[in-house]
Protein backbone atom coordinates (compact mmCIF):
# COMPACT_ATOMS: atom_id res chain seq x y z
CA MET A 1 0.00 0.00 0.00
CA THR A 2 1.32 3.43 -0.92
CA ARG A 3 1.80 5.98 1.85
CA TYR A 4 0.86 9.49 0.87
CA ARG A 5 2.34 12.63 2.33
CA TYR A 6 1.93 16.33 2.00
CA ARG A 7 4.81 18.23 0.48
CA ARG A 8 5.68 21.71 1.55
CA ARG A 9 5.49 24.29 -1.21
CA GLY A 10 5.52 28.04 -1.27
CA ARG A 11 7.79 30.92 -0.44
CA MET A 12 10.47 30.61 2.19
CA SER A 13 10.73 33.02 5.08
CA GLY A 14 13.90 35.08 5.42
CA LYS A 15 15.29 32.64 7.97
CA GLU A 16 14.55 29.62 5.75
CA GLY A 17 16.05 31.41 2.77
CA ALA A 18 19.24 32.14 4.69
CA LEU A 19 19.43 28.52 5.80
CA ALA A 20 18.88 27.34 2.22
CA VAL A 21 21.68 29.60 0.98
CA ALA A 22 24.01 28.38 3.73
CA ALA A 23 23.03 24.75 3.06
CA GLY A 24 23.53 25.32 -0.66
CA ALA A 25 27.07 26.57 -0.08
CA VAL A 26 27.87 23.50 2.03
CA LEU A 27 26.17 21.22 -0.49
CA ALA A 28 28.10 22.79 -3.38
CA ALA A 29 31.37 22.23 -1.56
CA THR A 30 30.39 18.63 -0.80
CA VAL A 31 29.29 17.90 -4.36
CA ALA A 32 32.59 19.13 -5.73
CA HIS A 33 34.28 16.23 -3.91
CA THR A 34 31.92 13.39 -4.83
CA ALA A 35 32.03 10.86 -7.64
CA VAL A 36 28.47 11.61 -8.80
CA PRO A 37 28.44 12.87 -12.40
CA ALA A 38 27.60 16.53 -12.86
CA LEU A 39 24.25 17.29 -14.45
CA THR A 40 24.52 19.11 -17.74
CA SER A 41 22.00 19.85 -20.44
CA ALA A 42 23.66 17.06 -22.42
CA ALA A 43 22.64 14.69 -19.60
CA VAL A 44 18.94 15.17 -20.29
CA PRO A 45 17.94 11.65 -21.26
CA ALA A 46 16.47 10.76 -24.63
CA VAL A 47 13.38 8.55 -24.70
CA PRO A 48 14.42 4.88 -24.80
CA ALA A 49 12.47 2.43 -26.92
CA ASN A 50 11.40 0.40 -23.87
CA CYS A 51 9.42 3.30 -22.36
CA ALA A 52 6.22 2.06 -23.97
CA THR A 53 6.41 -1.31 -22.20
CA SER A 54 7.91 -0.77 -18.74
CA ALA A 55 8.08 2.29 -16.51
CA VAL A 56 10.92 0.78 -14.45
CA ALA A 57 12.99 -0.11 -17.54
CA CYS A 58 12.33 3.35 -18.95
CA GLY A 59 13.39 4.95 -15.66
CA GLU A 60 16.51 2.81 -15.46
CA ALA A 61 17.58 3.75 -19.01
CA MET A 62 16.88 7.46 -18.53
CA ALA A 63 18.61 7.52 -15.14
CA ALA A 64 21.64 5.75 -16.63
CA ALA A 65 21.90 8.57 -19.17
CA ARG A 66 22.49 10.87 -16.17
CA GLY A 67 25.07 8.50 -14.72
CA TRP A 68 22.64 7.14 -12.11
CA THR A 69 23.05 3.37 -12.44
CA VAL A 70 22.53 0.21 -10.42
CA SER A 71 26.30 -0.21 -10.14
CA ASN A 72 26.78 3.15 -8.37
CA GLY A 73 23.63 2.64 -6.27
CA GLN A 74 21.72 5.63 -7.62
CA PHE A 75 19.12 3.69 -9.59
CA THR A 76 18.55 1.43 -6.60
CA CYS A 77 17.67 4.52 -4.55
CA LEU A 78 15.45 5.84 -7.34
CA ASN A 79 13.66 2.51 -7.57
CA GLU A 80 13.03 2.46 -3.80
CA LEU A 81 11.81 6.07 -3.89
CA TRP A 82 9.36 5.74 -6.76
CA THR A 83 8.21 2.29 -5.66
CA ARG A 84 7.21 3.85 -2.35
CA GLU A 85 5.72 6.98 -3.93
CA SER A 86 3.64 5.48 -6.72
CA GLY A 87 4.62 1.88 -7.38
CA TRP A 88 5.88 3.22 -10.77
CA ASN A 89 2.23 3.72 -11.75
CA PRO A 90 1.98 6.48 -14.39
CA ASP A 91 -1.67 7.03 -13.44
CA ALA A 92 -1.08 7.23 -9.67
CA ALA A 93 -3.08 9.90 -7.86
CA ASN A 94 -2.55 10.82 -4.22
CA PRO A 95 -5.99 10.97 -2.56
CA TYR A 96 -4.74 13.44 0.08
CA SER A 97 -3.01 16.00 -2.16
CA SER A 98 -2.67 16.98 -5.78
CA ALA A 99 0.45 14.78 -6.24
CA ARG A 100 0.25 12.71 -9.42
CA GLY A 101 2.19 10.28 -11.59
CA ILE A 102 5.29 8.17 -11.07
CA PRO A 103 7.29 10.90 -9.26
CA GLN A 104 4.18 12.23 -7.46
CA ASP A 105 4.49 15.79 -8.75
CA ILE A 106 2.64 18.12 -6.38
CA ASN A 107 1.47 20.20 -9.37
CA GLY A 108 -0.78 17.35 -10.41
CA TRP A 109 -1.05 16.76 -14.13
CA ALA A 110 0.22 20.26 -15.01
CA ASP A 111 3.76 19.08 -15.87
CA PHE A 112 2.89 15.85 -17.69
CA ALA A 113 -0.09 13.78 -18.80
CA PRO A 114 -1.51 10.73 -17.04
CA GLY A 115 0.09 7.59 -18.43
CA ASP A 116 2.93 9.49 -20.15
CA ILE A 117 5.83 7.44 -18.80
CA PRO A 118 8.75 9.17 -20.58
CA ASN A 119 7.71 12.70 -19.61
CA GLN A 120 6.90 11.69 -16.04
CA VAL A 121 10.31 10.03 -15.66
CA ARG A 122 12.06 12.98 -17.32
CA TRP A 123 10.28 15.45 -15.04
CA GLY A 124 11.01 13.37 -11.94
CA LEU A 125 14.70 12.97 -12.75
CA GLY A 126 14.98 16.72 -13.33
CA TYR A 127 13.23 17.44 -10.04
CA ILE A 128 15.58 15.12 -8.15
CA ALA A 129 18.67 16.55 -9.86
CA GLY A 130 17.59 20.12 -9.17
CA ARG A 131 16.55 19.66 -5.56
CA TYR A 132 18.64 16.76 -4.22
CA ILE A 133 21.48 16.27 -6.76
CA THR A 134 21.11 12.46 -6.66
CA PRO A 135 18.37 9.87 -6.13
CA CYS A 136 20.10 8.58 -2.98
CA ARG A 137 19.92 12.03 -1.41
CA ALA A 138 16.23 12.20 -2.33
CA TRP A 139 15.69 8.72 -0.87
CA ASN A 140 17.51 9.71 2.33
CA HIS A 141 15.22 12.72 2.66
CA GLU A 142 12.17 10.54 1.98
CA THR A 143 13.13 8.04 4.67
CA ALA A 144 14.04 10.73 7.20
CA ASP A 145 11.14 13.13 6.61
CA GLY A 146 8.45 11.04 4.90
CA TRP A 147 8.46 13.10 1.68
CA TYR A 148 10.85 14.24 -1.03
């Protein structure tokens, strides 16, 4: 059974903004010393042929294009995260919030269509890269705080 959670959205207060800036500086320094590949526009994954048949296979191929593979543990974290969030169901709808799709986007169907596996995976990977840098960091946040 999928657990659903609320996700905090909205503007940050001055104190939260200052903490985010400070955390970002620490995070940037930490990222510079890790083996995780840097995200570039060239790392935006193309749509693999298997996206029409399997959301997990599609996610694995698109994550690998970003350097997030089973061998470095990143796809394993992504699989755990999206299995918990939606069960990789491209039509998943959170009954307690507007979160929708495989990555459970809080904007509902505004960013992608129901059932559109490639765009849901692409959006979710971009969200993770932009907010957490890697799927394992997103998974750590999910397990610690109950949301990502």
